[in-house]
């Protein structure tokens, strides 16, 4: 029982640490803030291709988080990166990877695509 309590406390501490560290390099933007800047940035949808085809933000490129390491060459470090996924967890993972690779201006859509009310495109 004691071990379980210690394990839970450690897990919570690690999660809290990651959350606060992530806030130092990832800007979480409301839809209005996101809309203000994404046209001058690299707009990346990190969902899988079949999700992207069902509907995505107009002008977005699809680079799934599962392929991001191999496709970093497609992204510039000198331009802001605007990320989104369905709800926000995959784009947070993508942001962590980009941060480790030296990207600095990383932004995320709060609530993800499911909260987006702007223009979309689908196949």
PDB file of N, CA and C in Angstrom:
ATOM      1  N   UNK A   1       0.826  -1.202   0.000  1.00  0.00           N
ATOM      2  CA  UNK A   1       0.000   0.000   0.000  1.00  0.00           C
ATOM      3  C   UNK A   1       0.867   1.262   0.000  1.00  0.00           C
ATOM      4  N   UNK A   2       1.910   1.267   0.846  1.00  0.00           N
ATOM      5  CA  UNK A   2       2.809   2.435   0.896  1.00  0.00           C
ATOM      6  C   UNK A   2       3.455   2.693  -0.463  1.00  0.00           C
ATOM      7  N   UNK A   3       3.884   1.611  -1.107  1.00  0.00           N
ATOM      8  CA  UNK A   3       4.528   1.739  -2.416  1.00  0.00           C
ATOM      9  C   UNK A   3       3.586   2.393  -3.416  1.00  0.00           C
ATOM     10  N   UNK A   4       2.318   1.995  -3.378  1.00  0.00           N
ATOM     11  CA  UNK A   4       1.328   2.545  -4.292  1.00  0.00           C
ATOM     12  C   UNK A   4       1.166   4.050  -4.085  1.00  0.00           C
ATOM     13  N   UNK A   5       1.112   4.478  -2.841  1.00  0.00           N
ATOM     14  CA  UNK A   5       0.978   5.907  -2.525  1.00  0.00           C
ATOM     15  C   UNK A   5       2.197   6.675  -3.044  1.00  0.00           C
ATOM     16  N   UNK A   6       3.391   6.138  -2.791  1.00  0.00           N
ATOM     17  CA  UNK A   6       4.622   6.780  -3.255  1.00  0.00           C
ATOM     18  C   UNK A   6       4.633   6.859  -4.780  1.00  0.00           C
ATOM     19  N   UNK A   7       4.230   5.776  -5.448  1.00  0.00           N
ATOM     20  CA  UNK A   7       4.204   5.757  -6.909  1.00  0.00           C
ATOM     21  C   UNK A   7       3.238   6.811  -7.455  1.00  0.00           C
ATOM     22  N   UNK A   8       2.094   6.944  -6.841  1.00  0.00           N
ATOM     23  CA  UNK A   8       1.107   7.942  -7.273  1.00  0.00           C
ATOM     24  C   UNK A   8       1.644   9.352  -7.061  1.00  0.00           C
ATOM     25  N   UNK A   9       2.265   9.601  -5.925  1.00  0.00           N
ATOM     26  CA  UNK A   9       2.837  10.920  -5.637  1.00  0.00           C
ATOM     27  C   UNK A   9       3.922  11.264  -6.660  1.00  0.00           C
ATOM     28  N   UNK A  10       4.777  10.308  -6.983  1.00  0.00           N
ATOM     29  CA  UNK A  10       5.839  10.529  -7.969  1.00  0.00           C
ATOM     30  C   UNK A  10       5.235  10.833  -9.340  1.00  0.00           C
ATOM     31  N   UNK A  11       4.226  10.063  -9.745  1.00  0.00           N
ATOM     32  CA  UNK A  11       3.563  10.296 -11.031  1.00  0.00           C
ATOM     33  C   UNK A  11       2.964  11.693 -11.114  1.00  0.00           C
ATOM     34  N   UNK A  12       2.294  12.107 -10.068  1.00  0.00           N
ATOM     35  CA  UNK A  12       1.693  13.443 -10.039  1.00  0.00           C
ATOM     36  C   UNK A  12       2.778  14.513 -10.104  1.00  0.00           C
ATOM     37  N   UNK A  13       3.856  14.329  -9.351  1.00  0.00           N
ATOM     38  CA  UNK A  13       4.951  15.307  -9.346  1.00  0.00           C
ATOM     39  C   UNK A  13       5.577  15.438 -10.733  1.00  0.00           C
ATOM     40  N   UNK A  14       5.800  14.324 -11.408  1.00  0.00           N
ATOM     41  CA  UNK A  14       6.376  14.345 -12.759  1.00  0.00           C
ATOM     42  C   UNK A  14       5.430  15.061 -13.721  1.00  0.00           C
ATOM     43  N   UNK A  15       4.142  14.778 -13.632  1.00  0.00           N
ATOM     44  CA  UNK A  15       3.152  15.428 -14.507  1.00  0.00           C
ATOM     45  C   UNK A  15       3.118  16.934 -14.284  1.00  0.00           C
ATOM     46  N   UNK A  16       3.137  17.352 -13.039  1.00  0.00           N
ATOM     47  CA  UNK A  16       3.121  18.787 -12.713  1.00  0.00           C
ATOM     48  C   UNK A  16       4.389  19.456 -13.245  1.00  0.00           C
ATOM     49  N   UNK A  17       5.541  18.821 -13.051  1.00  0.00           N
ATOM     50  CA  UNK A  17       6.812  19.355 -13.548  1.00  0.00           C
ATOM     51  C   UNK A  17       6.770  19.521 -15.058  1.00  0.00           C
ATOM     52  N   UNK A  18       6.312  18.489 -15.783  1.00  0.00           N
ATOM     53  CA  UNK A  18       6.234  18.552 -17.249  1.00  0.00           C
ATOM     54  C   UNK A  18       5.310  19.667 -17.700  1.00  0.00           C
ATOM     55  N   UNK A  19       4.173  19.794 -17.018  1.00  0.00           N
ATOM     56  CA  UNK A  19       3.202  20.830 -17.379  1.00  0.00           C
ATOM     57  C   UNK A  19       3.839  22.215 -17.285  1.00  0.00           C
ATOM     58  N   UNK A  20       4.512  22.498 -16.181  1.00  0.00           N
ATOM     59  CA  UNK A  20       5.107  23.828 -16.003  1.00  0.00           C
ATOM     60  C   UNK A  20       6.310  24.047 -16.913  1.00  0.00           C
ATOM     61  N   UNK A  21       7.101  23.007 -17.167  1.00  0.00           N
ATOM     62  CA  UNK A  21       8.226  23.137 -18.095  1.00  0.00           C
ATOM     63  C   UNK A  21       7.721  23.401 -19.503  1.00  0.00           C
ATOM     64  N   UNK A  22       6.637  22.707 -19.878  1.00  0.00           N
ATOM     65  CA  UNK A  22       6.083  22.890 -21.217  1.00  0.00           C
ATOM     66  C   UNK A  22       5.597  24.325 -21.417  1.00  0.00           C
ATOM     67  N   UNK A  23       5.090  24.940 -20.389  1.00  0.00           N
ATOM     68  CA  UNK A  23       4.593  26.315 -20.510  1.00  0.00           C
ATOM     69  C   UNK A  23       5.705  27.304 -20.810  1.00  0.00           C
ATOM     70  N   UNK A  24       6.966  26.928 -20.610  1.00  0.00           N
ATOM     71  CA  UNK A  24       8.075  27.827 -20.919  1.00  0.00           C
ATOM     72  C   UNK A  24       8.357  27.896 -22.415  1.00  0.00           C
ATOM     73  N   UNK A  25       7.954  26.875 -23.180  1.00  0.00           N
ATOM     74  CA  UNK A  25       8.258  26.895 -24.615  1.00  0.00           C
ATOM     75  C   UNK A  25       7.029  26.753 -25.512  1.00  0.00           C
ATOM     76  N   UNK A  26       5.868  26.461 -24.966  1.00  0.00           N
ATOM     77  CA  UNK A  26       4.673  26.260 -25.779  1.00  0.00           C
ATOM     78  C   UNK A  26       3.607  27.282 -25.407  1.00  0.00           C
ATOM     79  N   UNK A  27       3.178  28.082 -26.408  1.00  0.00           N
ATOM     80  CA  UNK A  27       2.101  29.039 -26.172  1.00  0.00           C
ATOM     81  C   UNK A  27       0.789  28.384 -26.581  1.00  0.00           C
ATOM     82  N   UNK A  28      -0.134  28.278 -25.631  1.00  0.00           N
ATOM     83  CA  UNK A  28      -1.456  27.734 -25.926  1.00  0.00           C
ATOM     84  C   UNK A  28      -2.365  28.917 -26.235  1.00  0.00           C
ATOM     85  N   UNK A  29      -2.895  28.939 -27.464  1.00  0.00           N
ATOM     86  CA  UNK A  29      -3.649  30.092 -27.942  1.00  0.00           C
ATOM     87  C   UNK A  29      -5.139  29.795 -28.065  1.00  0.00           C
ATOM     88  N   UNK A  30      -5.951  30.795 -27.756  1.00  0.00           N
ATOM     89  CA  UNK A  30      -7.386  30.681 -28.009  1.00  0.00           C
ATOM     90  C   UNK A  30      -7.593  30.662 -29.521  1.00  0.00           C
ATOM     91  N   UNK A  31      -8.777  30.323 -29.960  1.00  0.00           N
ATOM     92  CA  UNK A  31      -9.044  30.298 -31.400  1.00  0.00           C
ATOM     93  C   UNK A  31      -8.796  31.664 -32.029  1.00  0.00           C
ATOM     94  N   UNK A  32      -9.203  32.746 -31.359  1.00  0.00           N
ATOM     95  CA  UNK A  32      -8.982  34.094 -31.901  1.00  0.00           C
ATOM     96  C   UNK A  32      -7.499  34.419 -32.030  1.00  0.00           C
ATOM     97  N   UNK A  33      -6.711  34.102 -31.002  1.00  0.00           N
ATOM     98  CA  UNK A  33      -5.264  34.344 -31.045  1.00  0.00           C
ATOM     99  C   UNK A  33      -4.620  33.498 -32.150  1.00  0.00           C
ATOM    100  N   UNK A  34      -5.069  32.257 -32.260  1.00  0.00           N
ATOM    101  CA  UNK A  34      -4.549  31.330 -33.264  1.00  0.00           C
ATOM    102  C   UNK A  34      -4.834  31.878 -34.659  1.00  0.00           C
ATOM    103  N   UNK A  35      -6.056  32.334 -34.855  1.00  0.00           N
ATOM    104  CA  UNK A  35      -6.480  32.855 -36.157  1.00  0.00           C
ATOM    105  C   UNK A  35      -5.672  34.099 -36.549  1.00  0.00           C
ATOM    106  N   UNK A  36      -5.315  34.916 -35.553  1.00  0.00           N
ATOM    107  CA  UNK A  36      -4.530  36.132 -35.822  1.00  0.00           C
ATOM    108  C   UNK A  36      -3.175  35.833 -36.445  1.00  0.00           C
ATOM    109  N   UNK A  37      -2.541  34.723 -36.039  1.00  0.00           N
ATOM    110  CA  UNK A  37      -1.165  34.493 -36.457  1.00  0.00           C
ATOM    111  C   UNK A  37      -0.886  33.348 -37.394  1.00  0.00           C
ATOM    112  N   UNK A  38      -1.842  32.435 -37.573  1.00  0.00           N
ATOM    113  CA  UNK A  38      -1.485  31.209 -38.302  1.00  0.00           C
ATOM    114  C   UNK A  38      -1.199  31.415 -39.783  1.00  0.00           C
ATOM    115  N   UNK A  39      -1.699  32.480 -40.394  1.00  0.00           N
ATOM    116  CA  UNK A  39      -1.440  32.684 -41.827  1.00  0.00           C
ATOM    117  C   UNK A  39       0.008  33.084 -42.095  1.00  0.00           C
ATOM    118  N   UNK A  40       0.669  33.674 -41.089  1.00  0.00           N
ATOM    119  CA  UNK A  40       2.071  34.082 -41.241  1.00  0.00           C
ATOM    120  C   UNK A  40       3.011  33.002 -40.701  1.00  0.00           C
ATOM    121  N   UNK A  41       2.454  31.847 -40.385  1.00  0.00           N
ATOM    122  CA  UNK A  41       3.236  30.795 -39.737  1.00  0.00           C
ATOM    123  C   UNK A  41       3.152  29.492 -40.530  1.00  0.00           C
ATOM    124  N   UNK A  42       3.787  28.471 -39.994  1.00  0.00           N
ATOM    125  CA  UNK A  42       3.675  27.123 -40.541  1.00  0.00           C
ATOM    126  C   UNK A  42       2.536  26.451 -39.782  1.00  0.00           C
ATOM    127  N   UNK A  43       1.428  26.224 -40.457  1.00  0.00           N
ATOM    128  CA  UNK A  43       0.255  25.620 -39.826  1.00  0.00           C
ATOM    129  C   UNK A  43       0.311  24.112 -40.032  1.00  0.00           C
ATOM    130  N   UNK A  44       0.486  23.381 -38.941  1.00  0.00           N
ATOM    131  CA  UNK A  44       0.696  21.939 -39.017  1.00  0.00           C
ATOM    132  C   UNK A  44      -0.400  21.191 -38.260  1.00  0.00           C
ATOM    133  N   UNK A  45      -1.069  20.302 -38.979  1.00  0.00           N
ATOM    134  CA  UNK A  45      -2.056  19.390 -38.393  1.00  0.00           C
ATOM    135  C   UNK A  45      -1.300  18.105 -38.085  1.00  0.00           C
ATOM    136  N   UNK A  46      -1.211  17.722 -36.822  1.00  0.00           N
ATOM    137  CA  UNK A  46      -0.407  16.553 -36.443  1.00  0.00           C
ATOM    138  C   UNK A  46      -1.242  15.275 -36.324  1.00  0.00           C
ATOM    139  N   UNK A  47      -2.484  15.326 -36.795  1.00  0.00           N
ATOM    140  CA  UNK A  47      -3.330  14.126 -36.768  1.00  0.00           C
ATOM    141  C   UNK A  47      -2.935  13.182 -37.902  1.00  0.00           C
ATOM    142  N   UNK A  48      -3.502  11.995 -37.890  1.00  0.00           N
ATOM    143  CA  UNK A  48      -3.220  11.005 -38.931  1.00  0.00           C
ATOM    144  C   UNK A  48      -3.917  11.415 -40.236  1.00  0.00           C
ATOM    145  N   UNK A  49      -3.385  10.961 -41.402  1.00  0.00           N
ATOM    146  CA  UNK A  49      -3.930  11.384 -42.694  1.00  0.00           C
ATOM    147  C   UNK A  49      -5.445  11.179 -42.857  1.00  0.00           C
ATOM    148  N   UNK A  50      -5.979  10.070 -42.349  1.00  0.00           N
ATOM    149  CA  UNK A  50      -7.420   9.831 -42.511  1.00  0.00           C
ATOM    150  C   UNK A  50      -8.240  10.859 -41.725  1.00  0.00           C
ATOM    151  N   UNK A  51      -7.733  11.325 -40.583  1.00  0.00           N
ATOM    152  CA  UNK A  51      -8.425  12.373 -39.818  1.00  0.00           C
ATOM    153  C   UNK A  51      -8.337  13.709 -40.573  1.00  0.00           C
ATOM    154  N   UNK A  52      -7.155  13.989 -41.108  1.00  0.00           N
ATOM    155  CA  UNK A  52      -6.905  15.215 -41.875  1.00  0.00           C
ATOM    156  C   UNK A  52      -7.843  15.289 -43.081  1.00  0.00           C
ATOM    157  N   UNK A  53      -8.010  14.166 -43.792  1.00  0.00           N
ATOM    158  CA  UNK A  53      -8.858  14.137 -44.987  1.00  0.00           C
ATOM    159  C   UNK A  53     -10.331  14.399 -44.670  1.00  0.00           C
ATOM    160  N   UNK A  54     -10.768  14.013 -43.474  1.00  0.00           N
ATOM    161  CA  UNK A  54     -12.173  14.237 -43.075  1.00  0.00           C
ATOM    162  C   UNK A  54     -12.462  15.717 -42.835  1.00  0.00           C
ATOM    163  N   UNK A  55     -11.416  16.482 -42.547  1.00  0.00           N
ATOM    164  CA  UNK A  55     -11.588  17.916 -42.331  1.00  0.00           C
ATOM    165  C   UNK A  55     -10.391  18.493 -41.601  1.00  0.00           C
ATOM    166  N   UNK A  56      -9.910  19.657 -42.095  1.00  0.00           N
ATOM    167  CA  UNK A  56      -8.769  20.319 -41.466  1.00  0.00           C
ATOM    168  C   UNK A  56      -8.889  21.829 -41.671  1.00  0.00           C
ATOM    169  N   UNK A  57      -8.107  22.587 -40.911  1.00  0.00           N
ATOM    170  CA  UNK A  57      -8.109  24.036 -41.034  1.00  0.00           C
ATOM    171  C   UNK A  57      -7.540  24.398 -42.403  1.00  0.00           C
ATOM    172  N   UNK A  58      -8.219  25.293 -43.086  1.00  0.00           N
ATOM    173  CA  UNK A  58      -7.810  25.728 -44.416  1.00  0.00           C
ATOM    174  C   UNK A  58      -6.357  26.220 -44.384  1.00  0.00           C
ATOM    175  N   UNK A  59      -5.516  25.659 -45.245  1.00  0.00           N
ATOM    176  CA  UNK A  59      -4.119  26.062 -45.319  1.00  0.00           C
ATOM    177  C   UNK A  59      -3.160  25.210 -44.502  1.00  0.00           C
ATOM    178  N   UNK A  60      -3.685  24.232 -43.774  1.00  0.00           N
ATOM    179  CA  UNK A  60      -2.822  23.391 -42.931  1.00  0.00           C
ATOM    180  C   UNK A  60      -2.103  22.325 -43.744  1.00  0.00           C
ATOM    181  N   UNK A  61      -0.906  21.979 -43.271  1.00  0.00           N
ATOM    182  CA  UNK A  61      -0.160  20.843 -43.823  1.00  0.00           C
ATOM    183  C   UNK A  61      -0.290  19.697 -42.847  1.00  0.00           C
ATOM    184  N   UNK A  62      -0.367  18.498 -43.356  1.00  0.00           N
ATOM    185  CA  UNK A  62      -0.498  17.321 -42.494  1.00  0.00           C
ATOM    186  C   UNK A  62       0.872  16.673 -42.282  1.00  0.00           C
ATOM    187  N   UNK A  63       1.379  16.808 -41.060  1.00  0.00           N
ATOM    188  CA  UNK A  63       2.593  16.100 -40.657  1.00  0.00           C
ATOM    189  C   UNK A  63       2.240  15.395 -39.350  1.00  0.00           C
ATOM    190  N   UNK A  64       1.790  14.129 -39.434  1.00  0.00           N
ATOM    191  CA  UNK A  64       1.382  13.414 -38.226  1.00  0.00           C
ATOM    192  C   UNK A  64       2.511  13.345 -37.195  1.00  0.00           C
ATOM    193  N   UNK A  65       2.140  13.427 -35.932  1.00  0.00           N
ATOM    194  CA  UNK A  65       3.150  13.376 -34.861  1.00  0.00           C
ATOM    195  C   UNK A  65       3.972  12.083 -34.973  1.00  0.00           C
ATOM    196  N   UNK A  66       3.358  11.025 -35.483  1.00  0.00           N
ATOM    197  CA  UNK A  66       4.058   9.739 -35.634  1.00  0.00           C
ATOM    198  C   UNK A  66       5.156   9.795 -36.695  1.00  0.00           C
ATOM    199  N   UNK A  67       5.108  10.802 -37.604  1.00  0.00           N
ATOM    200  CA  UNK A  67       6.117  10.939 -38.671  1.00  0.00           C
ATOM    201  C   UNK A  67       7.002  12.173 -38.481  1.00  0.00           C
ATOM    202  N   UNK A  68       6.755  12.936 -37.442  1.00  0.00           N
ATOM    203  CA  UNK A  68       7.392  14.247 -37.312  1.00  0.00           C
ATOM    204  C   UNK A  68       8.922  14.188 -37.294  1.00  0.00           C
ATOM    205  N   UNK A  69       9.495  13.246 -36.564  1.00  0.00           N
ATOM    206  CA  UNK A  69      10.960  13.148 -36.498  1.00  0.00           C
ATOM    207  C   UNK A  69      11.575  13.013 -37.881  1.00  0.00           C
ATOM    208  N   UNK A  70      10.950  12.179 -38.727  1.00  0.00           N
ATOM    209  CA  UNK A  70      11.474  11.926 -40.070  1.00  0.00           C
ATOM    210  C   UNK A  70      11.196  13.098 -41.016  1.00  0.00           C
ATOM    211  N   UNK A  71      10.251  13.957 -40.693  1.00  0.00           N
ATOM    212  CA  UNK A  71       9.839  15.016 -41.616  1.00  0.00           C
ATOM    213  C   UNK A  71      10.209  16.424 -41.140  1.00  0.00           C
ATOM    214  N   UNK A  72      11.105  16.525 -40.173  1.00  0.00           N
ATOM    215  CA  UNK A  72      11.522  17.839 -39.660  1.00  0.00           C
ATOM    216  C   UNK A  72      12.092  18.729 -40.756  1.00  0.00           C
ATOM    217  N   UNK A  73      12.685  18.117 -41.777  1.00  0.00           N
ATOM    218  CA  UNK A  73      13.274  18.873 -42.890  1.00  0.00           C
ATOM    219  C   UNK A  73      12.225  19.745 -43.591  1.00  0.00           C
ATOM    220  N   UNK A  74      10.952  19.383 -43.465  1.00  0.00           N
ATOM    221  CA  UNK A  74       9.869  20.138 -44.111  1.00  0.00           C
ATOM    222  C   UNK A  74       9.485  21.396 -43.334  1.00  0.00           C
ATOM    223  N   UNK A  75      10.050  21.551 -42.134  1.00  0.00           N
ATOM    224  CA  UNK A  75       9.665  22.670 -41.281  1.00  0.00           C
ATOM    225  C   UNK A  75      10.851  23.598 -41.013  1.00  0.00           C
ATOM    226  N   UNK A  76      10.569  24.888 -41.011  1.00  0.00           N
ATOM    227  CA  UNK A  76      11.627  25.884 -40.799  1.00  0.00           C
ATOM    228  C   UNK A  76      11.679  26.304 -39.337  1.00  0.00           C
ATOM    229  N   UNK A  77      12.913  26.487 -38.834  1.00  0.00           N
ATOM    230  CA  UNK A  77      13.101  26.933 -37.448  1.00  0.00           C
ATOM    231  C   UNK A  77      12.922  28.436 -37.302  1.00  0.00           C
ATOM    232  N   UNK A  78      13.023  29.181 -38.431  1.00  0.00           N
ATOM    233  CA  UNK A  78      12.972  30.642 -38.353  1.00  0.00           C
ATOM    234  C   UNK A  78      11.555  31.202 -38.517  1.00  0.00           C
ATOM    235  N   UNK A  79      10.566  30.336 -38.630  1.00  0.00           N
ATOM    236  CA  UNK A  79       9.170  30.787 -38.739  1.00  0.00           C
ATOM    237  C   UNK A  79       8.356  30.174 -37.608  1.00  0.00           C
ATOM    238  N   UNK A  80       7.361  30.913 -37.111  1.00  0.00           N
ATOM    239  CA  UNK A  80       6.524  30.340 -36.048  1.00  0.00           C
ATOM    240  C   UNK A  80       5.841  29.049 -36.521  1.00  0.00           C
ATOM    241  N   UNK A  81       5.634  28.141 -35.577  1.00  0.00           N
ATOM    242  CA  UNK A  81       4.942  26.881 -35.859  1.00  0.00           C
ATOM    243  C   UNK A  81       3.624  26.902 -35.090  1.00  0.00           C
ATOM    244  N   UNK A  82       2.529  26.686 -35.811  1.00  0.00           N
ATOM    245  CA  UNK A  82       1.199  26.601 -35.209  1.00  0.00           C
ATOM    246  C   UNK A  82       0.722  25.162 -35.360  1.00  0.00           C
ATOM    247  N   UNK A  83       0.521  24.500 -34.232  1.00  0.00           N
ATOM    248  CA  UNK A  83       0.159  23.084 -34.219  1.00  0.00           C
ATOM    249  C   UNK A  83      -1.273  22.890 -33.741  1.00  0.00           C
ATOM    250  N   UNK A  84      -1.894  21.842 -34.251  1.00  0.00           N
ATOM    251  CA  UNK A  84      -3.156  21.405 -33.669  1.00  0.00           C
ATOM    252  C   UNK A  84      -3.365  19.928 -33.960  1.00  0.00           C
ATOM    253  N   UNK A  85      -4.171  19.297 -33.110  1.00  0.00           N
ATOM    254  CA  UNK A  85      -4.599  17.919 -33.329  1.00  0.00           C
ATOM    255  C   UNK A  85      -6.091  17.899 -33.010  1.00  0.00           C
ATOM    256  N   UNK A  86      -6.638  16.769 -32.646  1.00  0.00           N
ATOM    257  CA  UNK A  86      -8.071  16.708 -32.384  1.00  0.00           C
ATOM    258  C   UNK A  86      -8.427  17.428 -31.085  1.00  0.00           C
ATOM    259  N   UNK A  87      -7.634  17.179 -30.013  1.00  0.00           N
ATOM    260  CA  UNK A  87      -7.988  17.760 -28.711  1.00  0.00           C
ATOM    261  C   UNK A  87      -6.855  18.523 -28.029  1.00  0.00           C
ATOM    262  N   UNK A  88      -5.611  18.262 -28.422  1.00  0.00           N
ATOM    263  CA  UNK A  88      -4.490  18.980 -27.828  1.00  0.00           C
ATOM    264  C   UNK A  88      -3.358  18.118 -27.296  1.00  0.00           C
ATOM    265  N   UNK A  89      -3.604  16.828 -27.079  1.00  0.00           N
ATOM    266  CA  UNK A  89      -2.537  16.006 -26.487  1.00  0.00           C
ATOM    267  C   UNK A  89      -1.436  15.657 -27.490  1.00  0.00           C
ATOM    268  N   UNK A  90      -1.797  15.338 -28.736  1.00  0.00           N
ATOM    269  CA  UNK A  90      -0.766  15.008 -29.733  1.00  0.00           C
ATOM    270  C   UNK A  90       0.037  16.240 -30.136  1.00  0.00           C
ATOM    271  N   UNK A  91      -0.628  17.396 -30.217  1.00  0.00           N
ATOM    272  CA  UNK A  91       0.122  18.603 -30.575  1.00  0.00           C
ATOM    273  C   UNK A  91       1.080  18.992 -29.443  1.00  0.00           C
ATOM    274  N   UNK A  92       0.730  18.689 -28.204  1.00  0.00           N
ATOM    275  CA  UNK A  92       1.651  18.931 -27.081  1.00  0.00           C
ATOM    276  C   UNK A  92       2.877  18.026 -27.207  1.00  0.00           C
ATOM    277  N   UNK A  93       2.648  16.775 -27.619  1.00  0.00           N
ATOM    278  CA  UNK A  93       3.772  15.845 -27.834  1.00  0.00           C
ATOM    279  C   UNK A  93       4.654  16.331 -28.979  1.00  0.00           C
ATOM    280  N   UNK A  94       4.027  16.796 -30.048  1.00  0.00           N
ATOM    281  CA  UNK A  94       4.783  17.328 -31.193  1.00  0.00           C
ATOM    282  C   UNK A  94       5.596  18.549 -30.773  1.00  0.00           C
ATOM    283  N   UNK A  95       5.010  19.408 -29.953  1.00  0.00           N
ATOM    284  CA  UNK A  95       5.707  20.609 -29.475  1.00  0.00           C
ATOM    285  C   UNK A  95       6.947  20.233 -28.669  1.00  0.00           C
ATOM    286  N   UNK A  96       6.817  19.214 -27.843  1.00  0.00           N
ATOM    287  CA  UNK A  96       7.953  18.744 -27.036  1.00  0.00           C
ATOM    288  C   UNK A  96       9.091  18.303 -27.954  1.00  0.00           C
ATOM    289  N   UNK A  97       8.760  17.552 -28.996  1.00  0.00           N
ATOM    290  CA  UNK A  97       9.765  17.084 -29.950  1.00  0.00           C
ATOM    291  C   UNK A  97      10.424  18.269 -30.661  1.00  0.00           C
ATOM    292  N   UNK A  98       9.614  19.222 -31.125  1.00  0.00           N
ATOM    293  CA  UNK A  98      10.155  20.397 -31.824  1.00  0.00           C
ATOM    294  C   UNK A  98      11.067  21.213 -30.909  1.00  0.00           C
ATOM    295  N   UNK A  99      10.646  21.369 -29.658  1.00  0.00           N
ATOM    296  CA  UNK A  99      11.462  22.109 -28.686  1.00  0.00           C
ATOM    297  C   UNK A  99      12.833  21.446 -28.526  1.00  0.00           C
ATOM    298  N   UNK A 100      12.839  20.128 -28.393  1.00  0.00           N
ATOM    299  CA  UNK A 100      14.103  19.387 -28.256  1.00  0.00           C
ATOM    300  C   UNK A 100      14.992  19.556 -29.488  1.00  0.00           C
ATOM    301  N   UNK A 101      14.380  19.778 -30.660  1.00  0.00           N
ATOM    302  CA  UNK A 101      15.138  19.922 -31.906  1.00  0.00           C
ATOM    303  C   UNK A 101      15.504  21.380 -32.199  1.00  0.00           C
ATOM    304  N   UNK A 102      15.221  22.296 -31.265  1.00  0.00           N
ATOM    305  CA  UNK A 102      15.674  23.669 -31.425  1.00  0.00           C
ATOM    306  C   UNK A 102      14.671  24.668 -31.963  1.00  0.00           C
ATOM    307  N   UNK A 103      13.426  24.264 -32.136  1.00  0.00           N
ATOM    308  CA  UNK A 103      12.390  25.214 -32.567  1.00  0.00           C
ATOM    309  C   UNK A 103      12.003  26.076 -31.373  1.00  0.00           C
ATOM    310  N   UNK A 104      11.755  27.363 -31.633  1.00  0.00           N
ATOM    311  CA  UNK A 104      11.504  28.272 -30.511  1.00  0.00           C
ATOM    312  C   UNK A 104      10.104  28.858 -30.467  1.00  0.00           C
ATOM    313  N   UNK A 105       9.536  29.219 -31.602  1.00  0.00           N
ATOM    314  CA  UNK A 105       8.218  29.866 -31.612  1.00  0.00           C
ATOM    315  C   UNK A 105       7.149  28.811 -31.890  1.00  0.00           C
ATOM    316  N   UNK A 106       6.712  28.120 -30.823  1.00  0.00           N
ATOM    317  CA  UNK A 106       5.781  26.992 -30.957  1.00  0.00           C
ATOM    318  C   UNK A 106       4.453  27.368 -30.301  1.00  0.00           C
ATOM    319  N   UNK A 107       3.383  27.214 -31.074  1.00  0.00           N
ATOM    320  CA  UNK A 107       2.047  27.598 -30.618  1.00  0.00           C
ATOM    321  C   UNK A 107       1.083  26.438 -30.825  1.00  0.00           C
ATOM    322  N   UNK A 108       0.087  26.364 -29.956  1.00  0.00           N
ATOM    323  CA  UNK A 108      -0.878  25.270 -30.008  1.00  0.00           C
ATOM    324  C   UNK A 108      -2.293  25.831 -29.908  1.00  0.00           C
ATOM    325  N   UNK A 109      -3.212  25.252 -30.669  1.00  0.00           N
ATOM    326  CA  UNK A 109      -4.622  25.641 -30.616  1.00  0.00           C
ATOM    327  C   UNK A 109      -5.274  25.024 -29.387  1.00  0.00           C
ATOM    328  N   UNK A 110      -5.754  25.888 -28.497  1.00  0.00           N
ATOM    329  CA  UNK A 110      -6.412  25.422 -27.275  1.00  0.00           C
ATOM    330  C   UNK A 110      -7.673  24.627 -27.633  1.00  0.00           C
ATOM    331  N   UNK A 111      -7.763  23.419 -27.113  1.00  0.00           N
ATOM    332  CA  UNK A 111      -8.932  22.581 -27.370  1.00  0.00           C
ATOM    333  C   UNK A 111      -8.886  21.792 -28.665  1.00  0.00           C
ATOM    334  N   UNK A 112      -7.925  22.108 -29.537  1.00  0.00           N
ATOM    335  CA  UNK A 112      -7.744  21.353 -30.769  1.00  0.00           C
ATOM    336  C   UNK A 112      -8.808  21.607 -31.829  1.00  0.00           C
ATOM    337  N   UNK A 113      -8.762  20.770 -32.864  1.00  0.00           N
ATOM    338  CA  UNK A 113      -9.633  20.931 -34.029  1.00  0.00           C
ATOM    339  C   UNK A 113     -11.114  20.829 -33.663  1.00  0.00           C
ATOM    340  N   UNK A 114     -11.423  20.009 -32.664  1.00  0.00           N
ATOM    341  CA  UNK A 114     -12.843  19.822 -32.330  1.00  0.00           C
ATOM    342  C   UNK A 114     -13.486  21.097 -31.794  1.00  0.00           C
ATOM    343  N   UNK A 115     -12.667  22.073 -31.349  1.00  0.00           N
ATOM    344  CA  UNK A 115     -13.198  23.351 -30.866  1.00  0.00           C
ATOM    345  C   UNK A 115     -13.146  24.447 -31.946  1.00  0.00           C
ATOM    346  N   UNK A 116     -12.548  24.146 -33.094  1.00  0.00           N
ATOM    347  CA  UNK A 116     -12.363  25.129 -34.167  1.00  0.00           C
ATOM    348  C   UNK A 116     -13.705  25.478 -34.809  1.00  0.00           C
ATOM    349  N   UNK A 117     -13.959  26.774 -35.012  1.00  0.00           N
ATOM    350  CA  UNK A 117     -15.213  27.196 -35.660  1.00  0.00           C
ATOM    351  C   UNK A 117     -14.953  27.898 -36.986  1.00  0.00           C
ATOM    352  N   UNK A 118     -13.678  28.023 -37.359  1.00  0.00           N
ATOM    353  CA  UNK A 118     -13.324  28.737 -38.603  1.00  0.00           C
ATOM    354  C   UNK A 118     -13.482  27.856 -39.831  1.00  0.00           C
ATOM    355  N   UNK A 119     -12.945  28.357 -40.944  1.00  0.00           N
ATOM    356  CA  UNK A 119     -13.058  27.644 -42.227  1.00  0.00           C
ATOM    357  C   UNK A 119     -12.291  26.325 -42.187  1.00  0.00           C
ATOM    358  N   UNK A 120     -12.918  25.321 -42.792  1.00  0.00           N
ATOM    359  CA  UNK A 120     -12.248  24.022 -42.903  1.00  0.00           C
ATOM    360  C   UNK A 120     -12.342  23.527 -44.339  1.00  0.00           C
ATOM    361  N   UNK A 121     -11.478  22.575 -44.637  1.00  0.00           N
ATOM    362  CA  UNK A 121     -11.473  21.954 -45.955  1.00  0.00           C
ATOM    363  C   UNK A 121     -11.494  20.448 -45.724  1.00  0.00           C
ATOM    364  N   UNK A 122     -12.225  19.726 -46.559  1.00  0.00           N
ATOM    365  CA  UNK A 122     -12.202  18.269 -46.466  1.00  0.00           C
ATOM    366  C   UNK A 122     -12.150  17.668 -47.860  1.00  0.00           C
ATOM    367  N   UNK A 123     -11.718  16.425 -47.930  1.00  0.00           N
ATOM    368  CA  UNK A 123     -11.604  15.746 -49.236  1.00  0.00           C
ATOM    369  C   UNK A 123     -12.882  14.978 -49.525  1.00  0.00           C
TER     370      UNK A 123
END
